[in-house]
Amino acid sequence: MNITVSDSHASADETFVADSPWWLKAKSTPVDIHPLTRPLSDEHNYISAGLVAKAWQGALDIQYLWVGESRSGQGMARDLMQMA
């Protein structure tokens, strides 16, 4: 086995590692997992806030919740959580 450690970002590698525990569990116990992405954008398609999560078995696993500085203090995080 060759173990490589790197500080470079490889999106496909990150996705594989992040998703593997979910699919391993699904082999022994059926798990209904749904990816959930909720960007908030304006009329120019500029994303000013967003939520990335996975919904499964009545739970919500939030991976990212972000609100840009221009929208800070306007309740955007609350709105995203309620939409999720």
PDB file of N, CA and C in Angstrom:
ATOM      1  N   MET A   1       0.840  -1.171   0.000  1.00  0.00           N
ATOM      2  CA  MET A   1       0.000   0.000   0.000  1.00  0.00           C
ATOM      3  C   MET A   1       0.884   1.232   0.000  1.00  0.00           C
ATOM      4  N   ASN A   2       0.500   2.200  -0.799  1.00  0.00           N
ATOM      5  CA  ASN A   2       1.235   3.455  -0.883  1.00  0.00           C
ATOM      6  C   ASN A   2       0.370   4.563  -0.287  1.00  0.00           C
ATOM      7  N   ILE A   3       0.805   5.149   0.820  1.00  0.00           N
ATOM      8  CA  ILE A   3       0.069   6.234   1.463  1.00  0.00           C
ATOM      9  C   ILE A   3       0.706   7.555   1.073  1.00  0.00           C
ATOM     10  N   THR A   4      -0.109   8.429   0.526  1.00  0.00           N
ATOM     11  CA  THR A   4       0.363   9.739   0.099  1.00  0.00           C
ATOM     12  C   THR A   4      -0.352  10.817   0.901  1.00  0.00           C
ATOM     13  N   VAL A   5       0.405  11.737   1.448  1.00  0.00           N
ATOM     14  CA  VAL A   5      -0.166  12.870   2.174  1.00  0.00           C
ATOM     15  C   VAL A   5       0.108  14.125   1.361  1.00  0.00           C
ATOM     16  N   SER A   6      -0.947  14.923   1.159  1.00  0.00           N
ATOM     17  CA  SER A   6      -0.800  16.117   0.335  1.00  0.00           C
ATOM     18  C   SER A   6      -1.676  17.229   0.886  1.00  0.00           C
ATOM     19  N   ASP A   7      -1.222  18.454   0.724  1.00  0.00           N
ATOM     20  CA  ASP A   7      -2.050  19.585   1.123  1.00  0.00           C
ATOM     21  C   ASP A   7      -2.759  20.215  -0.075  1.00  0.00           C
ATOM     22  N   SER A   8      -2.639  19.587  -1.241  1.00  0.00           N
ATOM     23  CA  SER A   8      -3.358  20.090  -2.412  1.00  0.00           C
ATOM     24  C   SER A   8      -4.793  19.570  -2.364  1.00  0.00           C
ATOM     25  N   HIS A   9      -5.699  20.344  -2.910  1.00  0.00           N
ATOM     26  CA  HIS A   9      -7.115  20.006  -2.866  1.00  0.00           C
ATOM     27  C   HIS A   9      -7.520  19.255  -4.131  1.00  0.00           C
ATOM     28  N   ALA A  10      -8.057  18.069  -3.940  1.00  0.00           N
ATOM     29  CA  ALA A  10      -8.605  17.299  -5.055  1.00  0.00           C
ATOM     30  C   ALA A  10     -10.069  17.029  -4.727  1.00  0.00           C
ATOM     31  N   SER A  11     -10.960  17.708  -5.405  1.00  0.00           N
ATOM     32  CA  SER A  11     -12.389  17.633  -5.119  1.00  0.00           C
ATOM     33  C   SER A  11     -12.921  16.201  -5.173  1.00  0.00           C
ATOM     34  N   ALA A  12     -12.491  15.434  -6.164  1.00  0.00           N
ATOM     35  CA  ALA A  12     -12.965  14.053  -6.294  1.00  0.00           C
ATOM     36  C   ALA A  12     -12.521  13.215  -5.103  1.00  0.00           C
ATOM     37  N   ASP A  13     -11.285  13.423  -4.628  1.00  0.00           N
ATOM     38  CA  ASP A  13     -10.798  12.687  -3.460  1.00  0.00           C
ATOM     39  C   ASP A  13     -11.603  13.054  -2.220  1.00  0.00           C
ATOM     40  N   GLU A  14     -11.859  14.335  -2.041  1.00  0.00           N
ATOM     41  CA  GLU A  14     -12.635  14.786  -0.880  1.00  0.00           C
ATOM     42  C   GLU A  14     -14.034  14.182  -0.899  1.00  0.00           C
ATOM     43  N   THR A  15     -14.662  14.182  -2.048  1.00  0.00           N
ATOM     44  CA  THR A  15     -16.001  13.619  -2.178  1.00  0.00           C
ATOM     45  C   THR A  15     -15.997  12.135  -1.862  1.00  0.00           C
ATOM     46  N   PHE A  16     -15.014  11.407  -2.386  1.00  0.00           N
ATOM     47  CA  PHE A  16     -14.936   9.970  -2.141  1.00  0.00           C
ATOM     48  C   PHE A  16     -14.790   9.671  -0.652  1.00  0.00           C
ATOM     49  N   VAL A  17     -13.861  10.362   0.012  1.00  0.00           N
ATOM     50  CA  VAL A  17     -13.618  10.115   1.436  1.00  0.00           C
ATOM     51  C   VAL A  17     -14.836  10.515   2.270  1.00  0.00           C
ATOM     52  N   ALA A  18     -15.450  11.638   1.951  1.00  0.00           N
ATOM     53  CA  ALA A  18     -16.607  12.110   2.718  1.00  0.00           C
ATOM     54  C   ALA A  18     -17.820  11.202   2.545  1.00  0.00           C
ATOM     55  N   ASP A  19     -18.007  10.640   1.363  1.00  0.00           N
ATOM     56  CA  ASP A  19     -19.178   9.814   1.095  1.00  0.00           C
ATOM     57  C   ASP A  19     -19.012   8.354   1.486  1.00  0.00           C
ATOM     58  N   SER A  20     -17.790   7.865   1.591  1.00  0.00           N
ATOM     59  CA  SER A  20     -17.557   6.443   1.843  1.00  0.00           C
ATOM     60  C   SER A  20     -18.221   5.904   3.107  1.00  0.00           C
ATOM     61  N   PRO A  21     -18.151   6.587   4.259  1.00  0.00           N
ATOM     62  CA  PRO A  21     -18.822   6.029   5.443  1.00  0.00           C
ATOM     63  C   PRO A  21     -20.326   5.860   5.244  1.00  0.00           C
ATOM     64  N   TRP A  22     -20.943   6.755   4.501  1.00  0.00           N
ATOM     65  CA  TRP A  22     -22.380   6.657   4.262  1.00  0.00           C
ATOM     66  C   TRP A  22     -22.703   5.405   3.453  1.00  0.00           C
ATOM     67  N   TRP A  23     -21.933   5.163   2.413  1.00  0.00           N
ATOM     68  CA  TRP A  23     -22.231   4.026   1.542  1.00  0.00           C
ATOM     69  C   TRP A  23     -21.859   2.715   2.210  1.00  0.00           C
ATOM     70  N   LEU A  24     -20.851   2.706   3.077  1.00  0.00           N
ATOM     71  CA  LEU A  24     -20.502   1.494   3.819  1.00  0.00           C
ATOM     72  C   LEU A  24     -21.650   1.110   4.738  1.00  0.00           C
ATOM     73  N   LYS A  25     -22.201   2.072   5.453  1.00  0.00           N
ATOM     74  CA  LYS A  25     -23.334   1.802   6.336  1.00  0.00           C
ATOM     75  C   LYS A  25     -24.529   1.320   5.530  1.00  0.00           C
ATOM     76  N   ALA A  26     -24.731   1.875   4.368  1.00  0.00           N
ATOM     77  CA  ALA A  26     -25.878   1.513   3.540  1.00  0.00           C
ATOM     78  C   ALA A  26     -25.817   0.061   3.086  1.00  0.00           C
ATOM     79  N   LYS A  27     -24.614  -0.529   3.043  1.00  0.00           N
ATOM     80  CA  LYS A  27     -24.494  -1.938   2.648  1.00  0.00           C
ATOM     81  C   LYS A  27     -25.148  -2.852   3.676  1.00  0.00           C
ATOM     82  N   SER A  28     -25.039  -2.523   4.969  1.00  0.00           N
ATOM     83  CA  SER A  28     -25.597  -3.374   6.013  1.00  0.00           C
ATOM     84  C   SER A  28     -27.007  -2.953   6.411  1.00  0.00           C
ATOM     85  N   THR A  29     -27.299  -1.686   6.347  1.00  0.00           N
ATOM     86  CA  THR A  29     -28.611  -1.153   6.708  1.00  0.00           C
ATOM     87  C   THR A  29     -29.006  -0.142   5.644  1.00  0.00           C
ATOM     88  N   PRO A  30     -30.134  -0.368   4.991  1.00  0.00           N
ATOM     89  CA  PRO A  30     -30.533   0.599   3.965  1.00  0.00           C
ATOM     90  C   PRO A  30     -30.647   2.015   4.547  1.00  0.00           C
ATOM     91  N   VAL A  31     -29.994   2.946   3.908  1.00  0.00           N
ATOM     92  CA  VAL A  31     -30.015   4.340   4.341  1.00  0.00           C
ATOM     93  C   VAL A  31     -30.420   5.189   3.143  1.00  0.00           C
ATOM     94  N   ASP A  32     -31.444   5.978   3.329  1.00  0.00           N
ATOM     95  CA  ASP A  32     -31.926   6.852   2.266  1.00  0.00           C
ATOM     96  C   ASP A  32     -31.272   8.220   2.449  1.00  0.00           C
ATOM     97  N   ILE A  33     -30.233   8.507   1.669  1.00  0.00           N
ATOM     98  CA  ILE A  33     -29.456   9.740   1.804  1.00  0.00           C
ATOM     99  C   ILE A  33     -29.762  10.662   0.626  1.00  0.00           C
ATOM    100  N   HIS A  34     -30.045  11.915   0.948  1.00  0.00           N
ATOM    101  CA  HIS A  34     -30.327  12.903  -0.091  1.00  0.00           C
ATOM    102  C   HIS A  34     -29.400  14.096   0.074  1.00  0.00           C
ATOM    103  N   PRO A  35     -28.604  14.420  -0.949  1.00  0.00           N
ATOM    104  CA  PRO A  35     -27.805  15.643  -0.869  1.00  0.00           C
ATOM    105  C   PRO A  35     -28.736  16.853  -0.905  1.00  0.00           C
ATOM    106  N   LEU A  36     -28.364  17.880  -0.183  1.00  0.00           N
ATOM    107  CA  LEU A  36     -29.185  19.077  -0.085  1.00  0.00           C
ATOM    108  C   LEU A  36     -28.291  20.302  -0.231  1.00  0.00           C
ATOM    109  N   THR A  37     -28.529  21.088  -1.257  1.00  0.00           N
ATOM    110  CA  THR A  37     -27.769  22.320  -1.480  1.00  0.00           C
ATOM    111  C   THR A  37     -28.761  23.455  -1.658  1.00  0.00           C
ATOM    112  N   ARG A  38     -28.601  24.489  -0.855  1.00  0.00           N
ATOM    113  CA  ARG A  38     -29.504  25.636  -0.906  1.00  0.00           C
ATOM    114  C   ARG A  38     -28.704  26.930  -1.035  1.00  0.00           C
ATOM    115  N   PRO A  39     -28.401  27.362  -2.251  1.00  0.00           N
ATOM    116  CA  PRO A  39     -27.748  28.668  -2.403  1.00  0.00           C
ATOM    117  C   PRO A  39     -28.802  29.780  -2.430  1.00  0.00           C
ATOM    118  N   LEU A  40     -28.470  30.919  -1.878  1.00  0.00           N
ATOM    119  CA  LEU A  40     -29.320  32.107  -1.990  1.00  0.00           C
ATOM    120  C   LEU A  40     -28.606  33.076  -2.915  1.00  0.00           C
ATOM    121  N   SER A  41     -29.244  33.401  -4.018  1.00  0.00           N
ATOM    122  CA  SER A  41     -28.599  34.296  -4.980  1.00  0.00           C
ATOM    123  C   SER A  41     -29.541  35.434  -5.358  1.00  0.00           C
ATOM    124  N   ASP A  42     -28.950  36.496  -5.857  1.00  0.00           N
ATOM    125  CA  ASP A  42     -29.734  37.660  -6.266  1.00  0.00           C
ATOM    126  C   ASP A  42     -30.094  37.555  -7.747  1.00  0.00           C
ATOM    127  N   GLU A  43     -30.671  38.623  -8.287  1.00  0.00           N
ATOM    128  CA  GLU A  43     -31.113  38.624  -9.685  1.00  0.00           C
ATOM    129  C   GLU A  43     -29.966  38.518 -10.679  1.00  0.00           C
ATOM    130  N   HIS A  44     -28.733  38.730 -10.222  1.00  0.00           N
ATOM    131  CA  HIS A  44     -27.555  38.616 -11.089  1.00  0.00           C
ATOM    132  C   HIS A  44     -26.837  37.278 -10.899  1.00  0.00           C
ATOM    133  N   ASN A  45     -27.477  36.344 -10.198  1.00  0.00           N
ATOM    134  CA  ASN A  45     -26.925  35.024  -9.875  1.00  0.00           C
ATOM    135  C   ASN A  45     -25.692  35.089  -8.982  1.00  0.00           C
ATOM    136  N   TYR A  46     -25.530  36.163  -8.225  1.00  0.00           N
ATOM    137  CA  TYR A  46     -24.442  36.267  -7.253  1.00  0.00           C
ATOM    138  C   TYR A  46     -24.888  35.551  -5.985  1.00  0.00           C
ATOM    139  N   ILE A  47     -24.174  34.501  -5.602  1.00  0.00           N
ATOM    140  CA  ILE A  47     -24.522  33.742  -4.403  1.00  0.00           C
ATOM    141  C   ILE A  47     -24.017  34.498  -3.183  1.00  0.00           C
ATOM    142  N   SER A  48     -24.940  34.830  -2.283  1.00  0.00           N
ATOM    143  CA  SER A  48     -24.580  35.600  -1.096  1.00  0.00           C
ATOM    144  C   SER A  48     -24.700  34.790   0.185  1.00  0.00           C
ATOM    145  N   ALA A  49     -25.238  33.575   0.090  1.00  0.00           N
ATOM    146  CA  ALA A  49     -25.354  32.691   1.249  1.00  0.00           C
ATOM    147  C   ALA A  49     -25.651  31.290   0.732  1.00  0.00           C
ATOM    148  N   GLY A  50     -25.382  30.289   1.551  1.00  0.00           N
ATOM    149  CA  GLY A  50     -25.674  28.935   1.113  1.00  0.00           C
ATOM    150  C   GLY A  50     -25.538  27.905   2.209  1.00  0.00           C
ATOM    151  N   LEU A  51     -26.178  26.774   1.983  1.00  0.00           N
ATOM    152  CA  LEU A  51     -26.133  25.640   2.895  1.00  0.00           C
ATOM    153  C   LEU A  51     -25.878  24.386   2.070  1.00  0.00           C
ATOM    154  N   VAL A  52     -24.978  23.532   2.531  1.00  0.00           N
ATOM    155  CA  VAL A  52     -24.716  22.238   1.905  1.00  0.00           C
ATOM    156  C   VAL A  52     -24.860  21.190   3.002  1.00  0.00           C
ATOM    157  N   ALA A  53     -25.697  20.189   2.753  1.00  0.00           N
ATOM    158  CA  ALA A  53     -25.975  19.192   3.789  1.00  0.00           C
ATOM    159  C   ALA A  53     -26.370  17.865   3.153  1.00  0.00           C
ATOM    160  N   LYS A  54     -26.566  16.868   4.013  1.00  0.00           N
ATOM    161  CA  LYS A  54     -27.122  15.583   3.605  1.00  0.00           C
ATOM    162  C   LYS A  54     -28.276  15.280   4.551  1.00  0.00           C
ATOM    163  N   ALA A  55     -29.413  14.916   3.978  1.00  0.00           N
ATOM    164  CA  ALA A  55     -30.577  14.532   4.768  1.00  0.00           C
ATOM    165  C   ALA A  55     -30.678  13.012   4.739  1.00  0.00           C
ATOM    166  N   TRP A  56     -30.837  12.407   5.912  1.00  0.00           N
ATOM    167  CA  TRP A  56     -30.950  10.951   5.976  1.00  0.00           C
ATOM    168  C   TRP A  56     -31.628  10.549   7.278  1.00  0.00           C
ATOM    169  N   GLN A  57     -32.514   9.587   7.197  1.00  0.00           N
ATOM    170  CA  GLN A  57     -33.219   9.005   8.333  1.00  0.00           C
ATOM    171  C   GLN A  57     -33.725  10.061   9.313  1.00  0.00           C
ATOM    172  N   GLY A  58     -34.324  11.111   8.805  1.00  0.00           N
ATOM    173  CA  GLY A  58     -34.885  12.149   9.654  1.00  0.00           C
ATOM    174  C   GLY A  58     -33.874  13.122  10.226  1.00  0.00           C
ATOM    175  N   ALA A  59     -32.616  12.989   9.847  1.00  0.00           N
ATOM    176  CA  ALA A  59     -31.565  13.872  10.358  1.00  0.00           C
ATOM    177  C   ALA A  59     -31.046  14.763   9.234  1.00  0.00           C
ATOM    178  N   LEU A  60     -30.419  15.858   9.630  1.00  0.00           N
ATOM    179  CA  LEU A  60     -29.798  16.761   8.672  1.00  0.00           C
ATOM    180  C   LEU A  60     -28.347  16.943   9.083  1.00  0.00           C
ATOM    181  N   ASP A  61     -27.427  16.470   8.257  1.00  0.00           N
ATOM    182  CA  ASP A  61     -25.992  16.594   8.512  1.00  0.00           C
ATOM    183  C   ASP A  61     -25.494  17.804   7.730  1.00  0.00           C
ATOM    184  N   ILE A  62     -25.343  18.928   8.427  1.00  0.00           N
ATOM    185  CA  ILE A  62     -24.932  20.169   7.777  1.00  0.00           C
ATOM    186  C   ILE A  62     -23.419  20.173   7.621  1.00  0.00           C
ATOM    187  N   GLN A  63     -22.968  20.308   6.394  1.00  0.00           N
ATOM    188  CA  GLN A  63     -21.540  20.359   6.127  1.00  0.00           C
ATOM    189  C   GLN A  63     -21.041  21.794   6.059  1.00  0.00           C
ATOM    190  N   TYR A  64     -21.826  22.664   5.448  1.00  0.00           N
ATOM    191  CA  TYR A  64     -21.445  24.073   5.332  1.00  0.00           C
ATOM    192  C   TYR A  64     -22.685  24.950   5.479  1.00  0.00           C
ATOM    193  N   LEU A  65     -22.543  26.020   6.234  1.00  0.00           N
ATOM    194  CA  LEU A  65     -23.553  27.065   6.326  1.00  0.00           C
ATOM    195  C   LEU A  65     -22.784  28.373   6.273  1.00  0.00           C
ATOM    196  N   TRP A  66     -23.026  29.147   5.227  1.00  0.00           N
ATOM    197  CA  TRP A  66     -22.231  30.356   5.002  1.00  0.00           C
ATOM    198  C   TRP A  66     -23.137  31.514   4.616  1.00  0.00           C
ATOM    199  N   VAL A  67     -22.839  32.681   5.175  1.00  0.00           N
ATOM    200  CA  VAL A  67     -23.514  33.920   4.795  1.00  0.00           C
ATOM    201  C   VAL A  67     -22.433  34.954   4.512  1.00  0.00           C
ATOM    202  N   GLY A  68     -22.482  35.546   3.338  1.00  0.00           N
ATOM    203  CA  GLY A  68     -21.508  36.567   2.964  1.00  0.00           C
ATOM    204  C   GLY A  68     -21.681  37.841   3.781  1.00  0.00           C
ATOM    205  N   GLU A  69     -20.636  38.605   3.822  1.00  0.00           N
ATOM    206  CA  GLU A  69     -20.611  39.830   4.618  1.00  0.00           C
ATOM    207  C   GLU A  69     -21.744  40.794   4.243  1.00  0.00           C
ATOM    208  N   SER A  70     -22.076  40.857   2.962  1.00  0.00           N
ATOM    209  CA  SER A  70     -23.122  41.791   2.519  1.00  0.00           C
ATOM    210  C   SER A  70     -24.509  41.417   3.041  1.00  0.00           C
ATOM    211  N   ARG A  71     -24.698  40.173   3.459  1.00  0.00           N
ATOM    212  CA  ARG A  71     -25.999  39.701   3.956  1.00  0.00           C
ATOM    213  C   ARG A  71     -25.989  39.410   5.455  1.00  0.00           C
ATOM    214  N   SER A  72     -24.865  39.603   6.094  1.00  0.00           N
ATOM    215  CA  SER A  72     -24.732  39.310   7.519  1.00  0.00           C
ATOM    216  C   SER A  72     -25.718  40.140   8.343  1.00  0.00           C
ATOM    217  N   GLY A  73     -26.326  39.500   9.337  1.00  0.00           N
ATOM    218  CA  GLY A  73     -27.250  40.191  10.227  1.00  0.00           C
ATOM    219  C   GLY A  73     -28.667  40.338   9.690  1.00  0.00           C
ATOM    220  N   GLN A  74     -28.966  39.716   8.550  1.00  0.00           N
ATOM    221  CA  GLN A  74     -30.293  39.838   7.941  1.00  0.00           C
ATOM    222  C   GLN A  74     -31.144  38.581   8.114  1.00  0.00           C
ATOM    223  N   GLY A  75     -30.681  37.625   8.918  1.00  0.00           N
ATOM    224  CA  GLY A  75     -31.452  36.409   9.151  1.00  0.00           C
ATOM    225  C   GLY A  75     -31.303  35.355   8.072  1.00  0.00           C
ATOM    226  N   MET A  76     -30.294  35.486   7.213  1.00  0.00           N
ATOM    227  CA  MET A  76     -30.114  34.533   6.114  1.00  0.00           C
ATOM    228  C   MET A  76     -29.812  33.117   6.620  1.00  0.00           C
ATOM    229  N   ALA A  77     -28.969  32.993   7.636  1.00  0.00           N
ATOM    230  CA  ALA A  77     -28.645  31.662   8.169  1.00  0.00           C
ATOM    231  C   ALA A  77     -29.911  31.001   8.708  1.00  0.00           C
ATOM    232  N   ARG A  78     -30.723  31.753   9.420  1.00  0.00           N
ATOM    233  CA  ARG A  78     -31.987  31.227   9.939  1.00  0.00           C
ATOM    234  C   ARG A  78     -32.886  30.786   8.785  1.00  0.00           C
ATOM    235  N   ASP A  79     -32.989  31.619   7.756  1.00  0.00           N
ATOM    236  CA  ASP A  79     -33.824  31.283   6.602  1.00  0.00           C
ATOM    237  C   ASP A  79     -33.343  30.009   5.920  1.00  0.00           C
ATOM    238  N   LEU A  80     -32.038  29.867   5.762  1.00  0.00           N
ATOM    239  CA  LEU A  80     -31.484  28.658   5.143  1.00  0.00           C
ATOM    240  C   LEU A  80     -31.797  27.423   5.978  1.00  0.00           C
ATOM    241  N   MET A  81     -31.648  27.531   7.289  1.00  0.00           N
ATOM    242  CA  MET A  81     -31.944  26.395   8.168  1.00  0.00           C
ATOM    243  C   MET A  81     -33.425  26.024   8.091  1.00  0.00           C
ATOM    244  N   GLN A  82     -34.300  27.005   8.036  1.00  0.00           N
ATOM    245  CA  GLN A  82     -35.731  26.720   7.940  1.00  0.00           C
ATOM    246  C   GLN A  82     -36.083  26.083   6.601  1.00  0.00           C
ATOM    247  N   MET A  83     -35.414  26.502   5.521  1.00  0.00           N
ATOM    248  CA  MET A  83     -35.663  25.903   4.208  1.00  0.00           C
ATOM    249  C   MET A  83     -35.178  24.461   4.153  1.00  0.00           C
ATOM    250  N   ALA A  84     -34.114  24.164   4.886  1.00  0.00           N
ATOM    251  CA  ALA A  84     -33.549  22.811   4.864  1.00  0.00           C
ATOM    252  C   ALA A  84     -34.509  21.853   5.532  1.00  0.00           C
TER     253      ALA A  84
END
